[in-house]
Amino acid sequence: MQGTVGKVAIAEPAQVITDTNEHFIAENAQWVYTVSFDSRELFQEHAENFTLNTDLYEDYLEAAS
């Protein structure tokens, strides 16, 4: 999904990232965003038309230019 354009639908309060917390690196609390993606953006133009929503930590996102 890297490089795929989505739309932030919901911004949730900051949460501890389990990846770093479970390895005793740091709690590293970050905002969590529900991001909506068009299926055709993800799976090419011939895909069935639907919207995929997924929750992503801020580190997993980059600003659209």
Protein backbone atom coordinates (compact mmCIF):
# COMPACT_ATOMS: atom_id res chain seq x y z
CA MET A 1 0.00 0.00 0.00
CA GLN A 2 3.02 2.27 0.08
CA GLY A 3 2.46 5.30 -2.13
CA THR A 4 -1.31 4.77 -2.16
CA VAL A 5 -3.49 7.83 -1.60
CA GLY A 6 -6.20 7.56 1.05
CA LYS A 7 -8.43 9.96 2.95
CA VAL A 8 -8.30 10.39 6.72
CA ALA A 9 -11.81 9.66 7.97
CA ILE A 10 -11.25 9.75 11.76
CA ALA A 11 -8.41 10.91 14.01
CA GLU A 12 -8.31 8.87 17.23
CA PRO A 13 -6.46 9.82 20.44
CA ALA A 14 -2.81 8.83 20.81
CA GLN A 15 -2.11 5.19 21.69
CA VAL A 16 1.02 3.28 22.64
CA ILE A 17 2.60 1.45 19.70
CA THR A 18 2.79 -2.20 20.66
CA ASP A 19 5.74 -2.85 18.31
CA THR A 20 8.14 -0.83 20.43
CA ASN A 21 6.47 -1.24 23.82
CA GLU A 22 6.59 -5.06 23.73
CA HIS A 23 10.32 -4.97 22.98
CA PHE A 24 10.95 -2.55 25.88
CA ILE A 25 12.22 0.13 23.48
CA ALA A 26 9.73 2.88 24.42
CA GLU A 27 6.02 3.52 24.70
CA ASN A 28 6.08 5.84 21.66
CA ALA A 29 2.44 7.00 21.87
CA GLN A 30 1.10 8.22 18.52
CA TRP A 31 -2.14 9.39 16.99
CA VAL A 32 -4.14 6.71 15.23
CA TYR A 33 -6.00 7.55 12.02
CA THR A 34 -8.79 5.66 10.29
CA VAL A 35 -7.87 6.01 6.62
CA SER A 36 -10.27 5.22 3.75
CA PHE A 37 -8.92 3.83 0.48
CA ASP A 38 -10.75 3.34 -2.81
CA SER A 39 -10.43 -0.30 -3.91
CA ARG A 40 -9.39 0.77 -7.39
CA GLU A 41 -6.51 2.79 -5.94
CA LEU A 42 -5.30 -0.35 -4.18
CA PHE A 43 -6.16 -3.15 -6.62
CA GLN A 44 -6.16 -1.48 -10.07
CA GLU A 45 -9.04 -0.16 -12.15
CA HIS A 46 -10.72 -3.55 -12.77
CA ALA A 47 -11.36 -4.23 -9.07
CA GLU A 48 -14.82 -4.28 -7.58
CA ASN A 49 -15.69 -0.78 -6.35
CA PHE A 50 -15.64 -0.54 -2.53
CA THR A 51 -14.01 1.47 0.24
CA LEU A 52 -11.46 -0.12 2.56
CA ASN A 53 -11.03 1.48 6.01
CA THR A 54 -8.00 0.71 8.15
CA ASP A 55 -6.49 2.14 11.35
CA LEU A 56 -2.89 3.30 11.03
CA TYR A 57 -0.41 4.84 13.45
CA GLU A 58 1.02 8.23 12.48
CA ASP A 59 4.45 6.67 11.74
CA TYR A 60 2.86 4.56 9.00
CA LEU A 61 1.58 7.61 7.10
CA GLU A 62 3.15 10.36 5.05
CA ALA A 63 1.60 13.66 4.02
CA ALA A 64 0.24 13.93 0.50
CA SER A 65 2.02 16.49 -1.60
